[in-house]
């Protein structure tokens, strides 16, 4: 088992030192503020990875890309094919830069939480979701989304990402 420090947005010297001090070997960066217009380029990804490695850590994964970069894909709207192509470009560039994992969500309204300060084991504070509190929430500006629409959109997304030549090339870059 490897210990990772995660859910950080910006890789700062202070966070790198902290990760090393508590014994982490890996870092998981959450939606890093890298330049890009719909996808991340190779060079900023490579620079992120080498920055982490210069502190003696491994960049194990990036968790999430900017939500707006694939919102049309999640909603099944016109323009989704371009967003999916850009998603694949990000995957390709991550593979070429030696970053092996992209964690992402397929939640157009974001990840729902009803509390961000719930007491938990050992006195830790965590985020949580209680359906009883959210069941009467108003419909979002995106309208009502049903299960069938979301599964259809997700299936379309995966069918266009998984067999992609971008993904195949990205995976080749990860084989050592």
Protein backbone atom coordinates (compact mmCIF):
# COMPACT_ATOMS: atom_id res chain seq x y z
CA UNK A 1 0.00 0.00 0.00
CA UNK A 2 1.17 3.52 -0.79
CA UNK A 3 0.13 6.61 1.12
CA UNK A 4 -1.05 9.53 -1.03
CA UNK A 5 -1.82 13.12 -0.16
CA UNK A 6 -4.85 14.14 -2.17
CA UNK A 7 -7.59 16.62 -2.86
CA UNK A 8 -5.13 19.46 -3.34
CA UNK A 9 -5.66 21.97 -6.12
CA UNK A 10 -2.39 23.81 -6.20
CA UNK A 11 0.97 22.15 -5.75
CA UNK A 12 2.81 24.47 -3.38
CA UNK A 13 6.11 24.01 -1.61
CA UNK A 14 4.28 23.92 1.72
CA UNK A 15 2.00 21.07 0.55
CA UNK A 16 4.92 19.10 -0.89
CA UNK A 17 6.86 19.41 2.38
CA UNK A 18 3.77 18.44 4.40
CA UNK A 19 3.21 15.34 2.22
CA UNK A 20 6.80 14.23 2.78
CA UNK A 21 6.62 14.93 6.53
CA UNK A 22 3.65 12.64 7.08
CA UNK A 23 5.17 9.88 4.96
CA UNK A 24 3.26 10.16 1.69
CA UNK A 25 4.88 8.69 -1.39
CA UNK A 26 2.24 9.88 -3.84
CA UNK A 27 0.20 12.97 -4.63
CA UNK A 28 -3.29 13.19 -6.13
CA UNK A 29 -3.98 16.66 -7.53
CA UNK A 30 -7.59 17.81 -7.87
CA UNK A 31 -8.38 19.95 -10.94
CA UNK A 32 -5.02 21.70 -11.05
CA UNK A 33 -5.09 25.29 -12.35
CA UNK A 34 -3.20 24.47 -15.54
CA UNK A 35 -3.61 26.60 -18.66
CA UNK A 36 -5.92 25.24 -21.30
CA UNK A 37 -8.99 25.94 -23.35
CA UNK A 38 -11.02 22.75 -23.20
CA UNK A 39 -8.08 20.41 -22.63
CA UNK A 40 -4.65 20.32 -21.02
CA UNK A 41 -1.51 20.52 -23.13
CA UNK A 42 1.45 18.19 -22.69
CA UNK A 43 4.01 20.70 -21.38
CA UNK A 44 2.07 22.01 -18.34
CA UNK A 45 1.20 18.41 -17.40
CA UNK A 46 4.84 17.38 -17.67
CA UNK A 47 5.91 20.38 -15.60
CA UNK A 48 3.35 19.46 -12.91
CA UNK A 49 4.65 15.90 -12.77
CA UNK A 50 8.32 16.93 -12.60
CA UNK A 51 7.53 19.51 -9.88
CA UNK A 52 6.01 16.77 -7.74
CA UNK A 53 8.91 14.41 -8.49
CA UNK A 54 11.47 17.07 -7.57
CA UNK A 55 10.06 16.87 -4.03
CA UNK A 56 10.62 13.11 -3.98
CA UNK A 57 6.95 12.25 -4.57
CA UNK A 58 5.06 10.49 -7.34
CA UNK A 59 2.15 12.18 -9.15
CA UNK A 60 -0.21 9.21 -8.94
CA UNK A 61 -3.28 10.84 -10.45
CA UNK A 62 -5.18 13.93 -11.40
CA UNK A 63 -8.71 13.96 -10.07
CA UNK A 64 -11.11 15.84 -12.33
CA UNK A 65 -10.76 18.26 -15.17
CA UNK A 66 -12.68 21.54 -15.22
CA UNK A 67 -16.37 20.66 -15.09
CA UNK A 68 -17.25 23.04 -17.93
CA UNK A 69 -14.90 21.19 -20.31
CA UNK A 70 -17.33 18.28 -20.66
CA UNK A 71 -20.68 19.64 -19.48
CA UNK A 72 -22.27 19.32 -22.95
CA UNK A 73 -21.10 15.71 -23.07
CA UNK A 74 -22.75 15.03 -19.71
CA UNK A 75 -25.97 16.71 -20.82
CA UNK A 76 -26.01 15.20 -24.33
CA UNK A 77 -26.04 18.66 -25.92
CA UNK A 78 -24.73 19.86 -29.28
CA UNK A 79 -20.97 20.35 -29.03
CA UNK A 80 -20.46 17.19 -26.99
CA UNK A 81 -18.35 15.52 -29.68
CA UNK A 82 -15.81 18.36 -29.56
CA UNK A 83 -15.71 18.13 -25.76
CA UNK A 84 -15.18 14.37 -25.95
CA UNK A 85 -12.36 14.89 -28.45
CA UNK A 86 -10.77 17.41 -26.09
CA UNK A 87 -11.20 14.98 -23.16
CA UNK A 88 -9.29 12.42 -25.23
CA UNK A 89 -6.59 14.99 -25.97
CA UNK A 90 -6.15 15.52 -22.24
CA UNK A 91 -5.86 11.74 -21.75
CA UNK A 92 -3.28 11.50 -24.53
CA UNK A 93 -1.25 14.38 -23.12
CA UNK A 94 -1.41 12.92 -19.60
CA UNK A 95 -0.15 9.58 -20.90
CA UNK A 96 2.69 11.24 -22.79
CA UNK A 97 3.56 13.22 -19.64
CA UNK A 98 3.67 10.03 -17.55
CA UNK A 99 0.59 10.72 -15.43
CA UNK A 100 -1.18 7.36 -15.23
CA UNK A 101 -4.64 8.10 -13.82
CA UNK A 102 -7.44 10.59 -14.45
CA UNK A 103 -10.30 10.37 -11.98
CA UNK A 104 -13.42 12.12 -13.21
CA UNK A 105 -17.10 12.36 -12.36
CA UNK A 106 -20.11 12.38 -14.64
CA UNK A 107 -22.31 14.66 -12.52
CA UNK A 108 -23.44 17.74 -14.47
CA UNK A 109 -24.66 19.48 -11.32
CA UNK A 110 -21.45 18.63 -9.47
CA UNK A 111 -20.98 16.33 -6.53
CA UNK A 112 -23.86 16.91 -4.13
CA UNK A 113 -23.25 17.51 -0.46
CA UNK A 114 -25.69 18.66 2.20
CA UNK A 115 -22.97 19.30 4.78
CA UNK A 116 -19.23 19.91 4.60
CA UNK A 117 -18.57 19.61 8.33
CA UNK A 118 -20.09 16.30 9.49
CA UNK A 119 -18.41 14.76 12.58
CA UNK A 120 -16.89 11.36 11.82
CA UNK A 121 -14.58 8.71 13.22
CA UNK A 122 -11.76 9.96 15.42
CA UNK A 123 -13.12 13.49 15.47
CA UNK A 124 -12.51 14.02 11.74
CA UNK A 125 -14.85 16.38 9.88
CA UNK A 126 -16.14 15.14 6.51
CA UNK A 127 -18.56 16.15 3.79
CA UNK A 128 -21.81 14.20 3.59
CA UNK A 129 -25.10 13.85 1.74
CA UNK A 130 -28.50 13.27 3.32
CA UNK A 131 -31.26 12.64 0.79
CA UNK A 132 -33.92 13.67 3.31
CA UNK A 133 -32.48 17.20 3.24
CA UNK A 134 -32.09 17.37 -0.55
CA UNK A 135 -35.20 15.61 -1.86
CA UNK A 136 -37.19 18.85 -2.16
CA UNK A 137 -34.39 20.87 -3.77
CA UNK A 138 -35.50 23.03 -6.70
CA UNK A 139 -34.79 21.87 -10.24
CA UNK A 140 -31.45 23.18 -11.49
CA UNK A 141 -31.05 25.63 -14.35
CA UNK A 142 -30.19 22.57 -16.48
CA UNK A 143 -33.72 21.30 -16.07
CA UNK A 144 -34.73 17.87 -14.87
CA UNK A 145 -32.34 15.05 -15.78
CA UNK A 146 -33.61 11.51 -15.59
CA UNK A 147 -31.70 8.26 -15.13
CA UNK A 148 -32.23 7.09 -18.72
CA UNK A 149 -30.86 10.34 -20.20
CA UNK A 150 -27.81 10.26 -17.95
CA UNK A 151 -27.07 6.58 -18.71
CA UNK A 152 -27.48 7.25 -22.45
CA UNK A 153 -25.13 10.25 -22.24
CA UNK A 154 -22.59 8.30 -20.18
CA UNK A 155 -22.73 5.33 -22.58
CA UNK A 156 -22.19 7.67 -25.54
CA UNK A 157 -19.28 9.32 -23.73
CA UNK A 158 -17.58 6.01 -22.88
CA UNK A 159 -18.10 4.52 -26.34
CA UNK A 160 -16.31 7.54 -27.77
CA UNK A 161 -13.53 7.74 -25.20
CA UNK A 162 -12.55 4.11 -24.60
CA UNK A 163 -11.84 3.01 -28.20
CA UNK A 164 -10.29 6.34 -29.04
CA UNK A 165 -6.94 6.36 -30.77
CA UNK A 166 -6.04 9.13 -28.33
CA UNK A 167 -6.52 6.73 -25.43
CA UNK A 168 -4.61 3.96 -27.18
CA UNK A 169 -1.67 6.31 -27.74
CA UNK A 170 -1.88 7.55 -24.16
CA UNK A 171 -1.73 4.00 -22.82
CA UNK A 172 1.28 3.20 -24.99
CA UNK A 173 3.05 6.10 -23.29
CA UNK A 174 2.46 4.45 -19.90
CA UNK A 175 3.93 1.06 -20.77
CA UNK A 176 7.44 0.80 -19.38
